Amino acid sequence: MATQELTTGQTRMNTQELIRESQKWLDVISAKELTPEQKEKIATDTVDNFSYYYNRGYLEYRKSVIEMRDNPALEWVGEGSTFQDLTGRTYIDCLGGYGIYSAGIRHPKIVRAVRDQLDRMPLSSQELLDPLRGALAELLGEITPGDLQYSFFINNGTDAVEGAIKLARLFTGRTNFISSLRGFHGKSCGSLSLLGKWEYREPFLPLLPGIHFVEFGDADAVIEELYKADQTGKGIAGVIMEPVQGEAGAIVPPDDFWPRIRKACDEYGALLIADEVQTGLGRTGKLFGVDHWNVVPDIMCLGKALGGGVMPLSAFISTPKIWGVLETNPFIHSSTFGGNPLACAAGIAAINVTLEEDLPGQAAKKGKWLLAQIIRLKMRFDRLIHRTGGKGLLLGIEFVNTEIGYKVVSGLFRRGVLVAGTLTNSKVVRLEPALNIPDKLLKEVIGALEETLREVDDATPDIQKDEE
């Protein structure tokens, strides 16, 4: 364990010291109980490890450290919609791992499927056919809308978007895309090219050329870009949008947006790509976000909830016609760990739970109640709250400035409720709990939110709105 920065000349651990250090953490992992002294040592070591070996910026960013500097919250054990830190403090999870915990933390059926597969074989040789990969592809081909049928599995949402970019370029022979301002599609270089906020793009320029940005929900702007690209001979390979913008703050487009851009893509020969990484598998109150508008995309990207909150898993899915360009050389796009047996076991179980427990229906019902309560609080604290919105259990509260948003997030954390701001709109606090969160916990969340808003309102006599 380092006690000072390596750059000061500190000697690195030798082999025996490394064996002892790694064994110490293996003992922590397997321990059923820890003494107070062990817990204190783990907390100290964790902060030091983040500072010296991971990224010290996290220590200034994470509310779990900032709000509790003397005794930071270390995530330790969780189940359903609650988790405990290392010291035993309990929190209501109203963030859901940014959407991965649609079925809750450690759903028993999903955990059991992964554990059973682990006992059989964790990974595959990749040379023989893998039954679970085929089974998961079948399930996705059956539940996704329209003629979406063929899937490719990878590990996270940005990789799903990367695959969609490559597939659209390969099929159309074009290179240009239309995306949305404040849209979020990942942070690898291809998906980052489609991300609609300068702060994340600027350090890595130049990115992919030929990306056209429009205001989310503005179908006329999409059509205009398609027309201009067609007239200048470039053409558009794909139009990529989130059904509901998540990181921008749960922004719902006008009801005619998706039907109109679907029709326009058909007219101009562009592929319509639905980034359902955050909205897919019930989050918005429908199995897929595009189902709200009865639109079938050409390519759909899934992730987060697809792994059931137990394994990293994502996918991009398309039609037989489009997928044909991959069949002549099936290794033109591949992944070492994508579609591994453990992840596919989790995905199969996640789909089973989603359908069996009607998670989309629960999200619609619970989200309707939760949004109504938030709107009630907005009317009471209108000088703090600028906007509320969302669908299902992807909800956002936009405050009048970033300072108010931060104070609310911090106040909720002190009251045992975990929420977070968004990456592309820092004034927005996102509520994204498990879709099966008990009603009792939702009522506690609203109670904590009301207390926090009252505290912030009383402590902030003068409020300056952020400029748009």
Protein backbone atom coordinates (compact mmCIF):
# COMPACT_ATOMS: atom_id res chain seq x y z
CA MET A 1 0.00 0.00 0.00
CA ALA A 2 1.47 3.32 -1.05
CA THR A 3 1.87 6.04 1.56
CA GLN A 4 3.23 8.67 -0.81
CA GLU A 5 3.32 9.39 -4.51
CA LEU A 6 5.50 7.08 -6.58
CA THR A 7 6.99 10.14 -8.28
CA THR A 8 8.75 11.06 -5.02
CA GLY A 9 11.08 8.09 -5.36
CA GLN A 10 9.13 5.56 -3.30
CA THR A 11 10.22 1.96 -3.89
CA ARG A 12 7.68 -0.23 -5.61
CA MET A 13 6.49 -3.39 -3.88
CA ASN A 14 8.48 -6.53 -4.57
CA THR A 15 6.85 -9.79 -5.63
CA GLN A 16 6.25 -11.12 -2.13
CA GLU A 17 4.75 -7.81 -1.02
CA LEU A 18 2.45 -7.82 -4.04
CA ILE A 19 1.33 -11.36 -3.23
CA ARG A 20 0.55 -10.33 0.35
CA GLU A 21 -1.29 -7.17 -0.81
CA SER A 22 -3.41 -9.05 -3.32
CA GLN A 23 -4.16 -11.81 -0.79
CA LYS A 24 -5.27 -9.16 1.69
CA TRP A 25 -7.92 -7.99 -0.76
CA LEU A 26 -8.93 -11.56 -1.60
CA ASP A 27 -9.53 -12.07 2.13
CA VAL A 28 -11.62 -8.90 2.20
CA ILE A 29 -13.68 -10.15 -0.73
CA SER A 30 -14.40 -13.49 0.94
CA ALA A 31 -14.95 -12.14 4.46
CA LYS A 32 -18.42 -12.54 5.92
CA GLU A 33 -17.78 -9.95 8.64
CA LEU A 34 -15.21 -7.24 9.17
CA THR A 35 -13.98 -5.65 12.39
CA PRO A 36 -14.23 -1.86 12.86
CA GLU A 37 -10.46 -1.67 12.50
CA GLN A 38 -10.56 -3.56 9.20
CA LYS A 39 -13.29 -1.26 7.88
CA GLU A 40 -11.30 1.82 8.82
CA LYS A 41 -8.21 0.41 7.08
CA ILE A 42 -10.20 -0.40 3.93
CA ALA A 43 -11.58 3.14 3.82
CA THR A 44 -8.11 4.69 4.22
CA ASP A 45 -6.57 2.37 1.66
CA THR A 46 -9.35 3.04 -0.84
CA VAL A 47 -8.94 6.80 -0.70
CA ASP A 48 -5.15 6.41 -1.00
CA ASN A 49 -5.48 3.99 -3.93
CA PHE A 50 -7.76 6.35 -5.82
CA SER A 51 -5.36 9.20 -5.14
CA TYR A 52 -2.13 7.40 -6.07
CA TYR A 53 -3.16 4.78 -8.60
CA TYR A 54 -6.55 5.54 -10.15
CA ASN A 55 -7.66 9.17 -10.50
CA ARG A 56 -7.48 11.67 -7.67
CA GLY A 57 -10.05 13.82 -9.47
CA TYR A 58 -12.72 11.38 -8.29
CA LEU A 59 -12.00 12.41 -4.71
CA GLU A 60 -13.06 15.97 -5.52
CA TYR A 61 -16.05 14.94 -7.60
CA ARG A 62 -17.78 12.10 -5.77
CA LYS A 63 -20.36 13.25 -3.25
CA SER A 64 -19.60 10.16 -1.15
CA VAL A 65 -16.18 11.66 -0.43
CA ILE A 66 -16.99 15.37 -0.42
CA GLU A 67 -19.90 15.12 1.99
CA MET A 68 -18.15 12.68 4.33
CA ARG A 69 -14.46 13.49 4.16
CA ASP A 70 -13.68 12.04 7.58
CA ASN A 71 -15.62 8.86 6.90
CA PRO A 72 -16.30 8.53 3.17
CA ALA A 73 -19.05 6.24 1.94
CA LEU A 74 -17.65 3.11 0.31
CA GLU A 75 -20.26 1.11 -1.57
CA TRP A 76 -20.29 -2.36 -0.06
CA VAL A 77 -23.45 -4.45 -0.22
CA GLY A 78 -26.85 -3.99 -1.82
CA GLU A 79 -30.07 -5.72 -2.72
CA GLY A 80 -33.19 -4.55 -4.51
CA SER A 81 -33.43 -0.77 -4.24
CA THR A 82 -31.16 -0.18 -1.25
CA PHE A 83 -27.47 -0.55 -0.54
CA GLN A 84 -25.18 -0.08 2.44
CA ASP A 85 -21.78 1.49 2.65
CA LEU A 86 -18.88 -0.10 4.49
CA THR A 87 -19.95 1.37 7.83
CA GLY A 88 -23.53 0.11 7.50
CA ARG A 89 -25.24 3.36 6.48
CA THR A 90 -28.24 2.54 4.29
CA TYR A 91 -29.19 4.44 1.11
CA ILE A 92 -32.16 4.31 -1.24
CA ASP A 93 -30.79 3.85 -4.74
CA CYS A 94 -32.60 6.38 -6.91
CA LEU A 95 -29.83 6.39 -9.51
CA GLY A 96 -29.78 2.73 -10.46
CA GLY A 97 -26.22 2.71 -11.69
CA TYR A 98 -27.26 5.20 -14.42
CA GLY A 99 -29.80 2.67 -15.67
CA ILE A 100 -28.19 -0.73 -15.15
CA TYR A 101 -30.35 -1.71 -12.17
CA SER A 102 -33.74 -1.87 -13.87
CA ALA A 103 -34.37 -5.20 -12.10
CA GLY A 104 -32.77 -3.97 -8.87
CA ILE A 105 -29.46 -4.80 -7.24
CA ARG A 106 -28.57 -8.50 -7.20
CA HIS A 107 -31.89 -9.78 -8.51
CA PRO A 108 -31.83 -13.42 -7.29
CA LYS A 109 -32.88 -15.02 -10.58
CA ILE A 110 -30.22 -13.13 -12.54
CA VAL A 111 -27.50 -13.80 -9.96
CA ARG A 112 -28.41 -17.50 -9.92
CA ALA A 113 -28.17 -17.76 -13.71
CA VAL A 114 -24.70 -16.22 -13.74
CA ARG A 115 -23.51 -18.30 -10.78
CA ASP A 116 -24.76 -21.52 -12.38
CA GLN A 117 -23.01 -20.67 -15.65
CA LEU A 118 -19.83 -19.75 -13.74
CA ASP A 119 -19.82 -23.23 -12.22
CA ARG A 120 -20.07 -24.71 -15.73
CA MET A 121 -17.78 -22.46 -17.80
CA PRO A 122 -17.15 -18.70 -17.42
CA LEU A 123 -15.79 -17.83 -20.86
CA SER A 124 -15.64 -19.63 -24.19
CA SER A 125 -12.96 -20.69 -26.65
CA GLN A 126 -14.72 -18.55 -29.30
CA GLU A 127 -14.08 -21.28 -31.88
CA LEU A 128 -17.07 -23.51 -31.09
CA LEU A 129 -20.69 -22.39 -31.20
CA ASP A 130 -21.92 -20.95 -27.89
CA PRO A 131 -25.54 -21.96 -27.06
CA LEU A 132 -26.25 -18.99 -24.79
CA ARG A 133 -25.17 -16.46 -27.40
CA GLY A 134 -27.65 -17.96 -29.84
CA ALA A 135 -30.38 -18.15 -27.20
CA LEU A 136 -30.02 -14.50 -26.21
CA ALA A 137 -29.98 -13.43 -29.85
CA GLU A 138 -33.22 -15.37 -30.39
CA LEU A 139 -34.92 -13.65 -27.44
CA LEU A 140 -33.85 -10.19 -28.60
CA GLY A 141 -34.92 -10.94 -32.15
CA GLU A 142 -38.36 -11.88 -30.84
CA ILE A 143 -38.96 -8.95 -28.47
CA THR A 144 -37.52 -6.07 -30.50
CA PRO A 145 -39.98 -4.26 -32.78
CA GLY A 146 -40.62 -4.83 -36.47
CA ASP A 147 -38.10 -6.84 -38.48
CA LEU A 148 -35.13 -6.25 -36.17
CA GLN A 149 -33.65 -9.73 -35.89
CA TYR A 150 -29.85 -10.11 -35.81
CA SER A 151 -27.69 -9.12 -32.82
CA PHE A 152 -24.03 -8.58 -32.03
CA PHE A 153 -23.03 -8.61 -28.35
CA ILE A 154 -20.40 -6.49 -26.67
CA ASN A 155 -19.75 -5.11 -23.20
CA ASN A 156 -20.95 -1.50 -22.93
CA GLY A 157 -23.14 1.05 -24.60
CA THR A 158 -20.42 2.99 -26.38
CA ASP A 159 -19.30 -0.23 -28.10
CA ALA A 160 -22.87 -0.83 -29.26
CA VAL A 161 -22.89 2.63 -30.83
CA GLU A 162 -19.49 1.99 -32.44
CA GLY A 163 -20.92 -1.15 -34.02
CA ALA A 164 -23.97 0.74 -35.26
CA ILE A 165 -21.71 3.38 -36.85
CA LYS A 166 -19.70 0.74 -38.68
CA LEU A 167 -22.78 -1.17 -39.81
CA ALA A 168 -24.48 1.99 -41.14
CA ARG A 169 -21.35 3.03 -43.04
CA LEU A 170 -20.86 -0.45 -44.43
CA PHE A 171 -24.45 -0.83 -45.60
CA THR A 172 -24.99 2.64 -47.07
CA GLY A 173 -21.48 3.33 -48.36
CA ARG A 174 -21.77 6.76 -46.77
CA THR A 175 -19.85 8.33 -43.88
CA ASN A 176 -21.98 11.22 -42.55
CA PHE A 177 -24.33 11.14 -39.58
CA ILE A 178 -26.94 13.35 -37.94
CA SER A 179 -27.01 13.53 -34.15
CA SER A 180 -28.51 15.87 -31.56
CA LEU A 181 -27.23 18.66 -29.37
CA ARG A 182 -26.76 17.43 -25.79
CA GLY A 183 -27.23 13.88 -26.97
CA PHE A 184 -25.10 11.23 -25.28
CA HIS A 185 -23.85 8.16 -27.14
CA GLY A 186 -20.61 7.23 -25.37
CA LYS A 187 -17.01 8.38 -25.11
CA SER A 188 -14.92 6.21 -27.40
CA CYS A 189 -13.78 8.18 -30.43
CA GLY A 190 -16.54 7.15 -32.83
CA SER A 191 -19.40 7.49 -30.38
CA LEU A 192 -17.83 10.65 -28.96
CA SER A 193 -18.07 12.14 -32.44
CA LEU A 194 -21.85 11.86 -32.08
CA LEU A 195 -21.97 13.29 -28.56
CA GLY A 196 -23.56 16.70 -28.54
CA LYS A 197 -21.61 18.65 -25.94
CA TRP A 198 -18.39 20.57 -26.59
CA GLU A 199 -16.88 19.96 -23.16
CA TYR A 200 -16.34 16.26 -23.85
CA ARG A 201 -15.44 16.59 -27.53
CA GLU A 202 -12.95 19.48 -27.59
CA PRO A 203 -9.94 17.75 -25.94
CA PHE A 204 -10.01 14.95 -28.52
CA LEU A 205 -10.51 16.82 -31.78
CA PRO A 206 -10.37 16.01 -34.61
CA LEU A 207 -13.07 13.34 -34.33
CA LEU A 208 -15.02 11.67 -37.12
CA PRO A 209 -15.84 14.20 -39.85
CA GLY A 210 -19.26 14.71 -41.36
CA ILE A 211 -21.34 14.83 -38.17
CA HIS A 212 -24.32 17.21 -38.32
CA PHE A 213 -25.99 18.31 -35.08
CA VAL A 214 -29.61 19.43 -34.65
CA GLU A 215 -31.79 20.33 -31.70
CA PHE A 216 -33.32 17.20 -30.22
CA GLY A 217 -36.99 16.94 -31.14
CA ASP A 218 -36.72 19.23 -34.17
CA ALA A 219 -37.82 17.02 -37.05
CA ASP A 220 -37.65 19.94 -39.51
CA ALA A 221 -33.95 20.37 -38.74
CA VAL A 222 -33.27 16.65 -39.32
CA ILE A 223 -35.10 16.78 -42.64
CA GLU A 224 -33.19 19.89 -43.68
CA GLU A 225 -29.83 18.22 -42.97
CA LEU A 226 -30.90 15.13 -44.90
CA TYR A 227 -31.94 17.33 -47.83
CA LYS A 228 -28.72 19.36 -47.87
CA ALA A 229 -26.53 16.26 -47.67
CA ASP A 230 -28.50 14.68 -50.50
CA GLN A 231 -28.24 17.78 -52.68
CA THR A 232 -24.50 18.10 -52.21
CA GLY A 233 -23.86 14.47 -53.05
CA LYS A 234 -22.61 13.38 -49.64
CA GLY A 235 -25.71 11.68 -48.30
CA ILE A 236 -26.28 10.63 -44.69
CA ALA A 237 -25.40 7.14 -43.48
CA GLY A 238 -27.51 7.34 -40.33
CA VAL A 239 -29.59 9.48 -38.03
CA ILE A 240 -28.91 8.52 -34.40
CA MET A 241 -31.14 9.67 -31.56
CA GLU A 242 -32.12 8.60 -28.06
CA PRO A 243 -35.88 8.01 -27.80
CA VAL A 244 -35.73 10.14 -24.64
CA GLN A 245 -32.54 12.07 -24.00
CA GLY A 246 -31.15 10.69 -20.75
CA GLU A 247 -27.96 12.58 -19.92
CA ALA A 248 -29.50 15.84 -21.11
CA GLY A 249 -32.10 15.53 -18.37
CA ALA A 250 -34.90 13.13 -19.42
CA ILE A 251 -35.98 15.24 -22.42
CA VAL A 252 -39.04 13.88 -24.22
CA PRO A 253 -39.42 14.86 -27.91
CA PRO A 254 -42.70 15.98 -29.51
CA ASP A 255 -44.96 13.07 -30.42
CA ASP A 256 -44.48 13.59 -34.16
CA PHE A 257 -40.68 13.62 -33.98
CA TRP A 258 -39.90 9.91 -34.32
CA PRO A 259 -42.57 9.18 -36.98
CA ARG A 260 -41.38 12.12 -39.09
CA ILE A 261 -37.68 11.27 -38.96
CA ARG A 262 -38.54 7.63 -39.71
CA LYS A 263 -40.32 8.73 -42.88
CA ALA A 264 -37.52 11.14 -43.82
CA CYS A 265 -34.82 8.48 -43.42
CA ASP A 266 -36.73 6.21 -45.76
CA GLU A 267 -37.02 9.02 -48.29
CA TYR A 268 -33.31 9.88 -48.27
CA GLY A 269 -31.87 6.39 -47.84
CA ALA A 270 -30.40 6.99 -44.39
CA LEU A 271 -30.60 4.43 -41.59
CA LEU A 272 -32.47 5.38 -38.43
CA ILE A 273 -30.51 4.35 -35.34
CA ALA A 274 -32.24 4.27 -31.95
CA ASP A 275 -29.81 4.54 -29.05
CA GLU A 276 -31.79 2.59 -26.46
CA VAL A 277 -28.80 1.97 -24.20
CA GLN A 278 -30.54 3.83 -21.37
CA THR A 279 -34.19 3.62 -22.40
CA GLY A 280 -34.36 -0.03 -23.45
CA LEU A 281 -36.00 -2.90 -21.55
CA GLY A 282 -38.72 -0.97 -19.81
CA ARG A 283 -37.10 2.18 -18.44
CA THR A 284 -39.59 4.61 -20.04
CA GLY A 285 -42.73 2.56 -19.35
CA LYS A 286 -42.61 0.63 -22.64
CA LEU A 287 -40.35 -2.30 -23.46
CA PHE A 288 -38.42 0.02 -25.79
CA GLY A 289 -38.52 3.81 -25.94
CA VAL A 290 -39.48 3.89 -29.62
CA ASP A 291 -42.59 1.86 -28.77
CA HIS A 292 -44.18 5.06 -27.47
CA TRP A 293 -44.41 6.23 -31.09
CA ASN A 294 -44.79 2.84 -32.85
CA VAL A 295 -41.58 3.42 -34.80
CA VAL A 296 -39.20 0.67 -35.91
CA PRO A 297 -35.56 1.79 -36.34
CA ASP A 298 -33.10 0.21 -38.75
CA ILE A 299 -30.55 -0.34 -35.99
CA MET A 300 -31.12 -0.42 -32.25
CA CYS A 301 -28.42 -0.13 -29.57
CA LEU A 302 -28.98 -1.72 -26.16
CA GLY A 303 -26.90 -1.87 -22.97
CA LYS A 304 -27.07 -1.09 -19.25
CA ALA A 305 -30.18 -3.03 -18.15
CA LEU A 306 -29.51 -5.80 -20.69
CA GLY A 307 -26.98 -7.33 -18.28
CA GLY A 308 -29.52 -7.38 -15.48
CA GLY A 309 -27.34 -5.29 -13.19
CA VAL A 310 -25.03 -8.30 -12.78
CA MET A 311 -22.84 -8.47 -15.91
CA PRO A 312 -21.65 -5.89 -18.48
CA LEU A 313 -23.60 -6.55 -21.67
CA SER A 314 -24.69 -4.53 -24.68
CA ALA A 315 -25.83 -5.18 -28.22
CA PHE A 316 -26.63 -3.64 -31.55
CA ILE A 317 -29.47 -5.18 -33.52
CA SER A 318 -30.60 -4.80 -37.11
CA THR A 319 -32.66 -6.33 -39.91
CA PRO A 320 -31.76 -9.31 -42.13
CA LYS A 321 -31.33 -7.00 -45.13
CA ILE A 322 -28.86 -4.70 -43.39
CA TRP A 323 -27.10 -7.51 -41.52
CA GLY A 324 -26.30 -9.19 -44.82
CA VAL A 325 -23.24 -6.97 -45.27
CA LEU A 326 -21.66 -8.63 -42.21
CA GLU A 327 -22.29 -12.19 -43.34
CA THR A 328 -19.71 -12.36 -46.14
CA ASN A 329 -17.01 -11.76 -43.53
CA PRO A 330 -18.44 -12.36 -40.04
CA PHE A 331 -15.11 -11.38 -38.47
CA ILE A 332 -15.10 -7.89 -39.96
CA HIS A 333 -16.42 -6.81 -36.55
CA SER A 334 -15.53 -8.92 -33.52
CA SER A 335 -14.96 -8.76 -29.77
CA THR A 336 -12.92 -10.92 -27.40
CA PHE A 337 -15.35 -10.81 -24.50
CA GLY A 338 -18.55 -9.77 -26.27
CA GLY A 339 -21.31 -12.35 -25.93
CA ASN A 340 -19.44 -14.43 -23.36
CA PRO A 341 -21.45 -17.12 -21.53
CA LEU A 342 -21.65 -15.27 -18.22
CA ALA A 343 -22.96 -12.10 -19.85
CA CYS A 344 -25.43 -14.00 -22.01
CA ALA A 345 -26.71 -15.92 -19.00
CA ALA A 346 -27.36 -12.57 -17.32
CA GLY A 347 -29.05 -11.22 -20.45
CA ILE A 348 -31.37 -14.22 -20.76
CA ALA A 349 -32.34 -13.91 -17.10
CA ALA A 350 -32.79 -10.12 -17.40
CA ILE A 351 -35.26 -10.55 -20.28
CA ASN A 352 -37.11 -13.25 -18.33
CA VAL A 353 -37.42 -11.01 -15.27
CA THR A 354 -38.39 -7.97 -17.36
CA LEU A 355 -41.31 -9.85 -18.92
CA GLU A 356 -42.30 -11.99 -15.95
CA GLU A 357 -42.44 -9.07 -13.51
CA ASP A 358 -43.76 -6.63 -16.15
CA LEU A 359 -41.03 -4.12 -15.38
CA PRO A 360 -42.21 -1.77 -18.17
CA GLY A 361 -45.70 -1.70 -16.65
CA GLN A 362 -44.27 -1.06 -13.20
CA ALA A 363 -42.13 1.77 -14.57
CA ALA A 364 -45.16 3.38 -16.23
CA LYS A 365 -47.28 3.22 -13.06
CA LYS A 366 -44.60 4.20 -10.56
CA GLY A 367 -43.18 6.86 -12.87
CA LYS A 368 -46.58 8.49 -13.28
CA TRP A 369 -46.98 8.77 -9.50
CA LEU A 370 -43.41 9.96 -8.96
CA LEU A 371 -43.61 12.64 -11.66
CA ALA A 372 -46.89 13.92 -10.23
CA GLN A 373 -45.23 14.32 -6.83
CA ILE A 374 -42.26 16.13 -8.35
CA ILE A 375 -44.58 18.50 -10.22
CA ARG A 376 -46.35 19.20 -6.92
CA LEU A 377 -43.01 20.14 -5.37
CA LYS A 378 -42.14 22.29 -8.37
CA MET A 379 -45.27 24.37 -7.79
CA ARG A 380 -44.18 24.87 -4.18
CA PHE A 381 -40.50 25.54 -4.88
CA ASP A 382 -40.83 27.19 -8.26
CA ARG A 383 -37.95 29.59 -7.65
CA LEU A 384 -35.60 26.58 -7.35
CA ILE A 385 -36.99 24.26 -10.03
CA HIS A 386 -37.03 25.31 -13.67
CA ARG A 387 -38.42 22.17 -15.33
CA THR A 388 -39.45 18.60 -14.66
CA GLY A 389 -40.10 15.82 -17.14
CA GLY A 390 -39.39 12.37 -18.46
CA LYS A 391 -41.14 9.11 -19.12
CA GLY A 392 -41.57 6.08 -16.88
CA LEU A 393 -38.75 5.98 -14.37
CA LEU A 394 -36.35 8.11 -16.39
CA LEU A 395 -37.14 11.45 -14.79
CA GLY A 396 -35.29 14.73 -14.54
CA ILE A 397 -35.54 17.81 -12.33
CA GLU A 398 -33.85 20.83 -13.87
CA PHE A 399 -32.92 23.52 -11.37
CA VAL A 400 -32.44 27.21 -12.05
CA ASN A 401 -28.66 26.90 -11.72
CA THR A 402 -25.97 24.32 -11.14
CA GLU A 403 -25.34 25.42 -7.54
CA ILE A 404 -28.92 24.64 -6.53
CA GLY A 405 -28.72 21.28 -8.31
CA TYR A 406 -25.54 20.37 -6.46
CA LYS A 407 -27.02 21.40 -3.10
CA VAL A 408 -30.06 19.22 -3.71
CA VAL A 409 -27.98 16.19 -4.71
CA SER A 410 -25.81 16.65 -1.61
CA GLY A 411 -28.80 17.18 0.65
CA LEU A 412 -30.46 14.02 -0.58
CA PHE A 413 -27.26 12.04 -0.09
CA ARG A 414 -27.05 13.19 3.53
CA ARG A 415 -30.62 11.94 3.92
CA GLY A 416 -29.78 8.55 2.52
CA VAL A 417 -31.00 8.97 -1.07
CA LEU A 418 -28.61 8.51 -3.98
CA VAL A 419 -29.28 10.58 -7.12
CA ALA A 420 -26.90 12.31 -9.51
CA GLY A 421 -26.60 15.10 -11.98
CA THR A 422 -26.32 14.43 -15.70
CA LEU A 423 -23.25 14.66 -17.91
CA THR A 424 -24.56 17.01 -20.58
CA ASN A 425 -26.79 19.26 -18.46
CA SER A 426 -25.30 19.90 -15.04
CA LYS A 427 -28.40 21.69 -13.75
CA VAL A 428 -30.46 18.52 -14.01
CA VAL A 429 -30.81 15.90 -11.28
CA ARG A 430 -31.83 12.51 -12.62
CA LEU A 431 -34.07 10.01 -10.87
CA GLU A 432 -33.59 6.54 -12.30
CA PRO A 433 -34.44 3.90 -9.68
CA ALA A 434 -35.08 0.21 -10.21
CA LEU A 435 -38.32 -0.36 -12.09
CA ASN A 436 -39.58 -2.60 -9.29
CA ILE A 437 -38.72 -0.18 -6.48
CA PRO A 438 -41.28 -0.56 -3.66
CA ASP A 439 -43.86 2.21 -3.35
CA LYS A 440 -42.82 2.69 0.27
CA LEU A 441 -39.31 3.68 -0.78
CA LEU A 442 -40.61 6.08 -3.43
CA LYS A 443 -42.61 7.84 -0.73
CA GLU A 444 -39.47 8.10 1.40
CA VAL A 445 -37.62 9.60 -1.57
CA ILE A 446 -40.29 12.27 -2.01
CA GLY A 447 -40.18 13.02 1.71
CA ALA A 448 -36.41 13.44 1.60
CA LEU A 449 -36.66 15.60 -1.52
CA GLU A 450 -39.23 17.87 0.11
CA GLU A 451 -37.04 18.28 3.20
CA THR A 452 -34.01 19.04 1.06
CA LEU A 453 -35.81 21.59 -1.09
CA ARG A 454 -37.10 23.34 2.02
CA GLU A 455 -33.57 23.45 3.46
CA VAL A 456 -32.05 24.80 0.24
CA ASP A 457 -34.87 27.33 -0.19
CA ASP A 458 -34.41 28.67 3.35
CA ALA A 459 -30.62 28.87 2.96
CA THR A 460 -30.67 30.62 -0.44
CA PRO A 461 -32.36 34.03 -0.25
CA ASP A 462 -30.94 35.26 -3.56
CA ILE A 463 -30.96 33.00 -6.62
CA GLN A 464 -29.33 33.81 -9.93
CA LYS A 465 -30.45 31.79 -12.94
CA ASP A 466 -27.74 30.29 -15.11
CA GLU A 467 -27.58 31.62 -18.64
CA GLU A 468 -28.80 29.15 -21.26
